[in-house]
Amino acid sequence: MFNETLKTLEKIFPPIEMHRSTFSEISDTLAFAKTGKELSLEQIWNLLNVDTEDQSDSYEMILTTWKKIKESIFHGNVFAVVPLYVTSICEENCVYCNYRADNADTAIVRKRLTNDQLSQEIRFLIEEQGYKVIELVYASDPKVRIPDICEHIQLTRQMLEAAGGGCVGLNSEPFDTSDYCELKKAGLDFSVLWQETYQREIYRSSHPGESKKNNFDYRVNSFERMLESGLQYVGTGVLSGIAPWRFDWLCLIAHGRYLQNRFGIPPAIFGVPRLKVAPGAKLQRGQFIPTDKEYLLAIAVHNLVWPMANPFVNTREPWDLCVKASAGGGALFTFDCKTIPGGYTQGTTGFQFPSFSFNPHDYSKRLQEFDLKPIFKWSFPTSQQGG
């Protein structure tokens, strides 16, 4: 299990301790990365520890190398995906989340979509917005269980097939292997789940209670259960900002390597959410939030190690940063994200976290100004899409 690997990482790479490599050392590491050979964890740690201000030459060299490698594989293609929130009713109390159960703010609408309401949202996203890949997103709703999610997956797939085909993804609480088998059987194409942080004590304090979300080991091992079920396209990720981010990203990369070694399947997706404080969140000051440059550095290093994997670029970030995070292509790109059930067609207001909205029709054209080409109908592996 990967949680055993984590104990070793904590001993070798103290989360707060930093090491600065010289420009020459960074240059040698990047030259090695271009060969396609496996970087050591020490080399990866050195890249993550580049000072984006004091070592600006090294920083820019890392970003340039990332873009060239991604561009050689994806030719600037990015892959449109839209999150569709199904429920905002949650039994968890994550300190960084507006949906936490103890948040009594009346601005939060607690809503669980009916199948008719879900169909209305899907129809709009397909017919009006042109999406062919839909990610179903769930809070930890005690009344929405595996049979319900299977039904939602089947409904989404039927509507996509009627419109010419597409993909269905899932972002939810972790499940058992048998549950993922049922979800795959229902037509699930990919599953993503963000670990939030790999630092056990901070994880526990960020997720109070005795729920499944509080169970660090159950969550960190969920990716193994996904792969055991036969799902091939799985997304790992961290929420940058609730713990020292460099160590979290090192663990994220090491986790992908562990899964590849065990299952022969490299990560297809990696989540890049950054902490955005919401009004009803208990955590209102984040001391570990990476700057914009540090955020891009983390994405760059992951891209150098796993160039075939797709960062899940999201509307938590402003447009310019989303574009920079997608440099070279090979990113899952969100344009519009209503983080509340019924937000697209039913006038539901509120949000899980603050986000921006980029109309897909208008902003698709703007992407091309940055040598990025949005593809709305695609499937995994993305490296074979669009040519």
Protein backbone atom coordinates (compact mmCIF):
# COMPACT_ATOMS: atom_id res chain seq x y z
CA MET A 1 0.00 0.00 0.00
CA PHE A 2 1.22 3.50 -0.79
CA ASN A 3 0.75 4.70 2.80
CA GLU A 4 3.81 2.62 3.69
CA THR A 5 5.83 4.41 1.01
CA LEU A 6 4.78 7.73 2.52
CA LYS A 7 6.51 6.93 5.79
CA THR A 8 9.80 6.56 3.93
CA LEU A 9 9.28 9.80 2.01
CA GLU A 10 8.68 11.72 5.24
CA LYS A 11 12.04 10.58 6.59
CA ILE A 12 14.01 11.43 3.43
CA PHE A 13 12.28 14.70 2.46
CA PRO A 14 11.20 16.76 5.49
CA PRO A 15 8.18 18.82 4.30
CA ILE A 16 9.55 22.21 5.38
CA GLU A 17 13.27 21.73 4.69
CA MET A 18 14.36 23.13 1.32
CA HIS A 19 17.35 22.56 -0.95
CA ARG A 20 18.48 24.95 -3.68
CA SER A 21 20.22 23.46 -6.70
CA THR A 22 22.47 25.50 -8.96
CA PHE A 23 21.46 26.54 -12.49
CA SER A 24 23.90 23.97 -13.86
CA GLU A 25 22.39 21.18 -11.77
CA ILE A 26 18.87 22.11 -12.88
CA SER A 27 20.02 22.26 -16.50
CA ASP A 28 21.53 18.78 -16.24
CA THR A 29 18.32 17.43 -14.68
CA LEU A 30 16.19 18.88 -17.47
CA ALA A 31 18.52 17.46 -20.12
CA PHE A 32 18.10 14.08 -18.45
CA ALA A 33 14.29 14.51 -18.39
CA LYS A 34 14.24 15.17 -22.14
CA THR A 35 15.71 11.71 -22.75
CA GLY A 36 12.58 10.15 -21.28
CA LYS A 37 14.53 8.41 -18.53
CA GLU A 38 13.10 8.25 -15.03
CA LEU A 39 14.07 11.11 -12.74
CA SER A 40 15.00 10.18 -9.19
CA LEU A 41 12.94 11.51 -6.30
CA GLU A 42 15.96 13.59 -5.30
CA GLN A 43 16.04 15.23 -8.75
CA ILE A 44 12.29 15.86 -8.58
CA TRP A 45 12.64 17.38 -5.10
CA ASN A 46 15.40 19.68 -6.35
CA LEU A 47 13.18 20.92 -9.17
CA LEU A 48 10.28 21.57 -6.79
CA ASN A 49 12.60 23.58 -4.56
CA VAL A 50 13.66 26.07 -7.21
CA ASP A 51 13.04 29.61 -5.94
CA THR A 52 10.78 31.18 -8.55
CA GLU A 53 12.10 34.68 -7.80
CA ASP A 54 15.75 34.29 -6.84
CA GLN A 55 16.34 31.52 -9.39
CA SER A 56 14.29 32.99 -12.21
CA ASP A 57 16.56 31.58 -14.94
CA SER A 58 16.13 28.05 -13.63
CA TYR A 59 12.40 28.59 -13.23
CA GLU A 60 11.93 29.83 -16.80
CA MET A 61 14.04 26.96 -18.13
CA ILE A 62 11.77 24.44 -16.38
CA LEU A 63 8.63 26.02 -17.84
CA THR A 64 10.13 26.19 -21.34
CA THR A 65 11.17 22.53 -21.20
CA TRP A 66 7.70 21.50 -19.98
CA LYS A 67 6.00 23.34 -22.85
CA LYS A 68 8.25 21.85 -25.52
CA ILE A 69 7.77 18.28 -24.27
CA LYS A 70 3.99 18.62 -23.99
CA GLU A 71 3.78 20.31 -27.38
CA SER A 72 5.69 17.47 -29.04
CA ILE A 73 3.06 15.03 -27.75
CA PHE A 74 -0.21 16.99 -27.84
CA HIS A 75 0.46 19.68 -30.48
CA GLY A 76 -1.43 22.27 -28.43
CA ASN A 77 -4.62 20.24 -28.08
CA VAL A 78 -6.58 20.72 -24.86
CA PHE A 79 -9.63 18.69 -23.93
CA ALA A 80 -12.85 20.32 -22.81
CA VAL A 81 -14.57 18.84 -19.77
CA VAL A 82 -17.40 20.24 -17.70
CA PRO A 83 -18.17 19.43 -14.05
CA LEU A 84 -21.83 18.82 -13.23
CA TYR A 85 -22.65 18.96 -9.50
CA VAL A 86 -25.39 16.50 -8.54
CA THR A 87 -25.70 17.19 -4.80
CA SER A 88 -24.54 19.80 -2.31
CA ILE A 89 -25.82 17.88 0.71
CA CYS A 90 -22.75 16.72 2.63
CA GLU A 91 -22.11 14.90 5.89
CA GLU A 92 -18.43 15.91 6.04
CA ASN A 93 -16.89 18.87 7.86
CA CYS A 94 -13.78 19.60 5.78
CA VAL A 95 -12.45 22.88 7.17
CA TYR A 96 -11.73 24.39 3.73
CA CYS A 97 -15.13 23.69 2.16
CA ASN A 98 -18.27 25.79 1.90
CA TYR A 99 -20.35 22.59 1.82
CA ARG A 100 -19.26 21.38 5.26
CA ALA A 101 -22.16 19.98 7.24
CA ASP A 102 -21.85 22.50 10.09
CA ASN A 103 -22.03 25.51 7.78
CA ALA A 104 -25.42 27.05 8.55
CA ASP A 105 -24.97 29.99 6.17
CA THR A 106 -28.31 30.52 4.42
CA ALA A 107 -26.44 31.47 1.22
CA ILE A 108 -25.61 27.79 0.75
CA VAL A 109 -28.36 25.96 -1.10
CA ARG A 110 -28.56 22.31 -0.08
CA LYS A 111 -29.89 20.55 -3.13
CA ARG A 112 -29.97 17.07 -4.58
CA LEU A 113 -30.92 16.90 -8.27
CA THR A 114 -33.77 14.67 -9.35
CA ASN A 115 -33.25 12.65 -12.52
CA ASP A 116 -35.40 15.14 -14.44
CA GLN A 117 -33.32 18.04 -13.16
CA LEU A 118 -30.11 16.19 -13.95
CA SER A 119 -31.38 15.53 -17.49
CA GLN A 120 -32.11 19.23 -17.92
CA GLU A 121 -28.55 20.13 -16.90
CA ILE A 122 -27.04 17.47 -19.18
CA ARG A 123 -29.16 18.54 -22.13
CA PHE A 124 -28.05 22.15 -21.78
CA LEU A 125 -24.37 21.22 -21.51
CA ILE A 126 -24.55 19.00 -24.59
CA GLU A 127 -26.92 20.89 -26.86
CA GLU A 128 -26.25 24.52 -25.91
CA GLN A 129 -22.63 24.44 -24.79
CA GLY A 130 -21.31 21.64 -26.99
CA TYR A 131 -19.73 19.47 -24.28
CA LYS A 132 -19.12 15.79 -24.96
CA VAL A 133 -17.28 14.96 -21.74
CA ILE A 134 -19.16 15.43 -18.47
CA GLU A 135 -17.76 14.91 -14.98
CA LEU A 136 -20.43 14.11 -12.38
CA VAL A 137 -19.49 15.66 -9.02
CA TYR A 138 -20.89 14.58 -5.65
CA ALA A 139 -20.65 15.76 -2.08
CA SER A 140 -20.72 12.99 0.54
CA ASP A 141 -24.48 12.75 0.48
CA PRO A 142 -25.76 9.89 2.71
CA LYS A 143 -28.84 9.45 0.47
CA VAL A 144 -26.93 9.19 -2.81
CA ARG A 145 -25.39 5.75 -2.96
CA ILE A 146 -23.85 3.52 -5.60
CA PRO A 147 -27.17 2.47 -7.25
CA ASP A 148 -28.09 6.17 -7.60
CA ILE A 149 -24.72 7.12 -9.06
CA CYS A 150 -24.89 4.19 -11.48
CA GLU A 151 -28.29 5.46 -12.62
CA HIS A 152 -26.85 8.95 -13.13
CA ILE A 153 -23.93 7.56 -15.13
CA GLN A 154 -26.29 5.53 -17.33
CA LEU A 155 -28.51 8.57 -17.89
CA THR A 156 -25.55 10.78 -18.81
CA ARG A 157 -24.13 8.15 -21.16
CA GLN A 158 -27.49 7.64 -22.89
CA MET A 159 -27.85 11.35 -23.55
CA LEU A 160 -24.27 11.63 -24.79
CA GLU A 161 -24.70 8.64 -27.10
CA ALA A 162 -27.89 10.16 -28.51
CA ALA A 163 -25.82 13.26 -29.34
CA GLY A 164 -23.02 11.32 -31.05
CA GLY A 165 -21.01 9.93 -28.14
CA GLY A 166 -18.80 11.16 -25.34
CA CYS A 167 -17.29 10.31 -21.96
CA VAL A 168 -18.57 10.23 -18.39
CA GLY A 169 -16.31 10.96 -15.42
CA LEU A 170 -16.76 10.89 -11.67
CA ASN A 171 -15.55 12.99 -8.77
CA SER A 172 -16.90 11.67 -5.49
CA GLU A 173 -16.05 10.24 -2.10
CA PRO A 174 -13.91 7.06 -2.28
CA PHE A 175 -15.59 3.66 -2.60
CA ASP A 176 -14.77 -0.03 -2.27
CA THR A 177 -13.43 -2.04 -5.22
CA SER A 178 -16.78 -3.75 -5.76
CA ASP A 179 -18.46 -0.34 -5.96
CA TYR A 180 -16.04 0.85 -8.62
CA CYS A 181 -16.78 -2.35 -10.54
CA GLU A 182 -20.47 -1.42 -10.54
CA LEU A 183 -19.72 2.14 -11.62
CA LYS A 184 -17.54 0.91 -14.48
CA LYS A 185 -20.25 -1.53 -15.53
CA ALA A 186 -22.72 1.37 -15.60
CA GLY A 187 -20.54 3.13 -18.17
CA LEU A 188 -18.02 5.17 -16.21
CA ASP A 189 -14.99 6.17 -18.31
CA PHE A 190 -12.76 7.87 -15.73
CA SER A 191 -12.65 8.60 -12.03
CA VAL A 192 -10.81 11.39 -10.22
CA LEU A 193 -10.30 11.96 -6.53
CA TRP A 194 -8.04 14.55 -4.92
CA GLN A 195 -6.10 13.30 -1.91
CA GLU A 196 -6.14 16.91 -0.59
CA THR A 197 -2.83 16.41 1.27
CA TYR A 198 -0.44 13.51 1.81
CA GLN A 199 0.60 14.86 5.22
CA ARG A 200 -1.31 12.67 7.65
CA GLU A 201 -1.63 14.96 10.67
CA ILE A 202 -2.67 17.98 8.63
CA TYR A 203 -5.07 15.75 6.72
CA ARG A 204 -6.73 14.63 9.95
CA SER A 205 -7.04 18.12 11.38
CA SER A 206 -8.52 19.32 8.07
CA HIS A 207 -11.15 16.56 8.08
CA PRO A 208 -12.60 16.34 11.61
CA GLY A 209 -14.89 13.51 12.64
CA GLU A 210 -14.95 9.76 12.19
CA SER A 211 -16.23 9.52 8.63
CA LYS A 212 -14.64 7.86 5.60
CA LYS A 213 -13.18 11.25 4.66
CA ASN A 214 -11.34 11.34 7.99
CA ASN A 215 -9.81 7.92 7.23
CA PHE A 216 -6.49 8.88 5.62
CA ASP A 217 -5.54 5.31 4.69
CA TYR A 218 -8.90 4.54 3.09
CA ARG A 219 -8.65 7.63 0.92
CA VAL A 220 -5.02 7.31 -0.12
CA ASN A 221 -5.57 3.68 -1.11
CA SER A 222 -8.73 4.45 -3.10
CA PHE A 223 -6.75 4.77 -6.34
CA GLU A 224 -5.63 1.17 -6.02
CA ARG A 225 -9.25 0.12 -5.65
CA MET A 226 -10.19 2.06 -8.78
CA LEU A 227 -7.52 0.29 -10.79
CA GLU A 228 -8.38 -3.09 -9.27
CA SER A 229 -11.93 -2.61 -10.58
CA GLY A 230 -10.68 -2.36 -14.16
CA LEU A 231 -10.89 1.41 -14.51
CA GLN A 232 -7.86 2.45 -16.55
CA TYR A 233 -8.19 6.22 -16.47
CA VAL A 234 -7.76 7.53 -12.97
CA GLY A 235 -6.91 10.97 -11.63
CA THR A 236 -4.91 11.73 -8.50
CA GLY A 237 -4.37 15.21 -7.10
CA VAL A 238 -3.74 17.49 -4.14
CA LEU A 239 -5.36 20.68 -2.88
CA SER A 240 -2.37 23.00 -2.89
CA GLY A 241 -2.44 25.28 0.12
CA ILE A 242 -3.62 23.30 3.13
CA ALA A 243 -0.15 21.85 3.79
CA PRO A 244 3.45 22.51 2.63
CA TRP A 245 2.87 22.21 -1.10
CA ARG A 246 6.31 21.02 -2.27
CA PHE A 247 6.12 17.83 -0.23
CA ASP A 248 2.53 17.21 -1.34
CA TRP A 249 3.55 17.43 -4.99
CA LEU A 250 6.54 15.15 -4.43
CA CYS A 251 4.17 12.60 -2.88
CA LEU A 252 1.69 13.04 -5.72
CA ILE A 253 4.40 12.22 -8.25
CA ALA A 254 5.67 9.31 -6.15
CA HIS A 255 2.11 8.01 -5.87
CA GLY A 256 1.77 7.94 -9.65
CA ARG A 257 5.04 6.01 -9.89
CA TYR A 258 3.82 3.52 -7.27
CA LEU A 259 0.56 2.91 -9.15
CA GLN A 260 2.39 2.43 -12.45
CA ASN A 261 4.82 -0.03 -10.90
CA ARG A 262 2.01 -2.02 -9.32
CA PHE A 263 -0.62 -1.95 -12.06
CA GLY A 264 1.36 -1.02 -15.17
CA ILE A 265 -0.94 1.99 -15.65
CA PRO A 266 0.46 5.54 -15.43
CA PRO A 267 -1.73 8.39 -14.14
CA ALA A 268 -4.05 9.74 -16.84
CA ILE A 269 -5.09 12.87 -14.95
CA PHE A 270 -3.73 14.94 -12.10
CA GLY A 271 -5.81 17.48 -10.23
CA VAL A 272 -4.36 20.95 -9.69
CA PRO A 273 -6.87 22.71 -7.38
CA ARG A 274 -5.45 25.51 -5.27
CA LEU A 275 -7.05 26.58 -2.00
CA LYS A 276 -9.62 29.33 -2.51
CA VAL A 277 -11.21 30.44 0.73
CA ALA A 278 -15.02 30.35 0.69
CA PRO A 279 -17.26 32.38 3.05
CA GLY A 280 -18.58 29.37 4.95
CA ALA A 281 -15.26 27.55 5.23
CA LYS A 282 -13.78 27.22 8.70
CA LEU A 283 -10.27 27.72 7.32
CA GLN A 284 -10.04 31.40 6.40
CA ARG A 285 -6.27 31.86 6.28
CA GLY A 286 -4.00 29.50 4.36
CA GLN A 287 -0.31 29.78 5.22
CA PHE A 288 0.85 27.25 2.63
CA ILE A 289 -0.79 28.59 -0.54
CA PRO A 290 1.73 28.63 -3.42
CA THR A 291 2.12 31.82 -5.44
CA ASP A 292 1.10 31.78 -9.09
CA LYS A 293 4.68 31.06 -10.11
CA GLU A 294 5.08 28.30 -7.53
CA TYR A 295 1.76 26.82 -8.66
CA LEU A 296 3.01 26.69 -12.25
CA LEU A 297 6.32 25.23 -11.07
CA ALA A 298 4.52 22.34 -9.39
CA ILE A 299 2.49 21.63 -12.54
CA ALA A 300 5.64 21.89 -14.64
CA VAL A 301 7.56 19.35 -12.58
CA HIS A 302 4.67 16.87 -12.70
CA ASN A 303 4.48 17.37 -16.47
CA LEU A 304 8.20 16.64 -16.80
CA VAL A 305 7.82 13.37 -14.89
CA TRP A 306 4.47 12.35 -16.42
CA PRO A 307 4.23 14.18 -19.79
CA MET A 308 1.35 11.98 -20.97
CA ALA A 309 -0.80 12.84 -17.95
CA ASN A 310 -3.35 15.65 -18.18
CA PRO A 311 -3.56 18.42 -15.59
CA PHE A 312 -7.22 19.07 -14.76
CA VAL A 313 -7.16 22.86 -15.25
CA ASN A 314 -10.09 24.44 -13.46
CA THR A 315 -11.94 27.71 -13.10
CA ARG A 316 -10.76 28.32 -9.56
CA GLU A 317 -8.00 30.19 -11.37
CA PRO A 318 -8.27 33.27 -13.64
CA TRP A 319 -8.13 32.90 -17.40
CA ASP A 320 -4.49 33.87 -17.88
CA LEU A 321 -3.32 31.33 -15.32
CA CYS A 322 -5.49 28.58 -16.85
CA VAL A 323 -3.85 29.27 -20.21
CA LYS A 324 -0.35 29.17 -18.71
CA ALA A 325 -1.15 25.91 -16.90
CA SER A 326 -2.14 24.38 -20.25
CA ALA A 327 1.00 25.39 -22.16
CA GLY A 328 1.87 22.96 -24.93
CA GLY A 329 -1.49 21.21 -24.65
CA GLY A 330 -2.37 17.93 -23.01
CA ALA A 331 -4.64 19.43 -20.36
CA LEU A 332 -8.25 18.80 -19.39
CA PHE A 333 -9.71 22.30 -19.66
CA THR A 334 -12.79 23.64 -17.91
CA PHE A 335 -14.45 26.75 -19.27
CA ASP A 336 -17.53 27.08 -17.14
CA CYS A 337 -18.07 25.43 -13.79
CA LYS A 338 -21.16 25.95 -11.66
CA THR A 339 -20.22 24.41 -8.31
CA ILE A 340 -23.84 24.12 -7.17
CA PRO A 341 -26.47 21.60 -8.34
CA GLY A 342 -28.80 23.22 -10.87
CA GLY A 343 -26.41 26.09 -11.48
CA TYR A 344 -26.46 25.82 -15.27
CA THR A 345 -30.21 25.83 -15.99
CA GLN A 346 -32.22 26.12 -12.78
CA GLY A 347 -30.99 29.38 -11.35
CA THR A 348 -29.48 27.83 -8.22
CA THR A 349 -27.09 30.28 -6.62
CA GLY A 350 -24.15 29.71 -4.30
CA PHE A 351 -20.93 27.78 -4.72
CA GLN A 352 -18.59 25.25 -3.16
CA PHE A 353 -15.65 27.59 -3.77
CA PRO A 354 -15.20 30.87 -5.71
CA SER A 355 -14.67 30.31 -9.43
CA PHE A 356 -14.60 32.12 -12.76
CA SER A 357 -16.84 31.53 -15.76
CA PHE A 358 -15.52 31.45 -19.34
CA ASN A 359 -18.20 31.00 -21.98
CA PRO A 360 -16.98 28.05 -24.09
CA HIS A 361 -18.09 29.57 -27.39
CA ASP A 362 -16.21 32.84 -26.87
CA TYR A 363 -13.20 31.53 -24.99
CA SER A 364 -12.54 28.62 -27.36
CA LYS A 365 -11.51 31.22 -29.92
CA ARG A 366 -9.32 33.01 -27.39
CA LEU A 367 -7.45 29.80 -26.64
CA GLN A 368 -6.29 29.63 -30.23
CA GLU A 369 -4.49 32.95 -29.74
CA PHE A 370 -2.16 31.02 -27.41
CA ASP A 371 -1.57 28.13 -29.85
CA LEU A 372 -4.05 25.97 -27.95
CA LYS A 373 -6.80 24.07 -29.74
CA PRO A 374 -9.85 23.00 -27.71
CA ILE A 375 -11.31 19.58 -28.53
CA PHE A 376 -14.82 18.92 -27.24
CA LYS A 377 -15.33 15.35 -28.40
CA TRP A 378 -12.49 13.17 -27.20
CA SER A 379 -11.66 10.01 -25.30
CA PHE A 380 -8.66 8.51 -23.55
CA PRO A 381 -5.81 8.22 -24.27
CA THR A 382 -5.75 11.95 -25.06
CA SER A 383 -2.33 11.73 -26.74
CA GLN A 384 -4.08 10.04 -29.67
CA GLN A 385 -6.79 12.66 -30.03
CA GLY A 386 -6.80 15.45 -32.57
CA GLY A 387 -3.46 14.70 -34.20
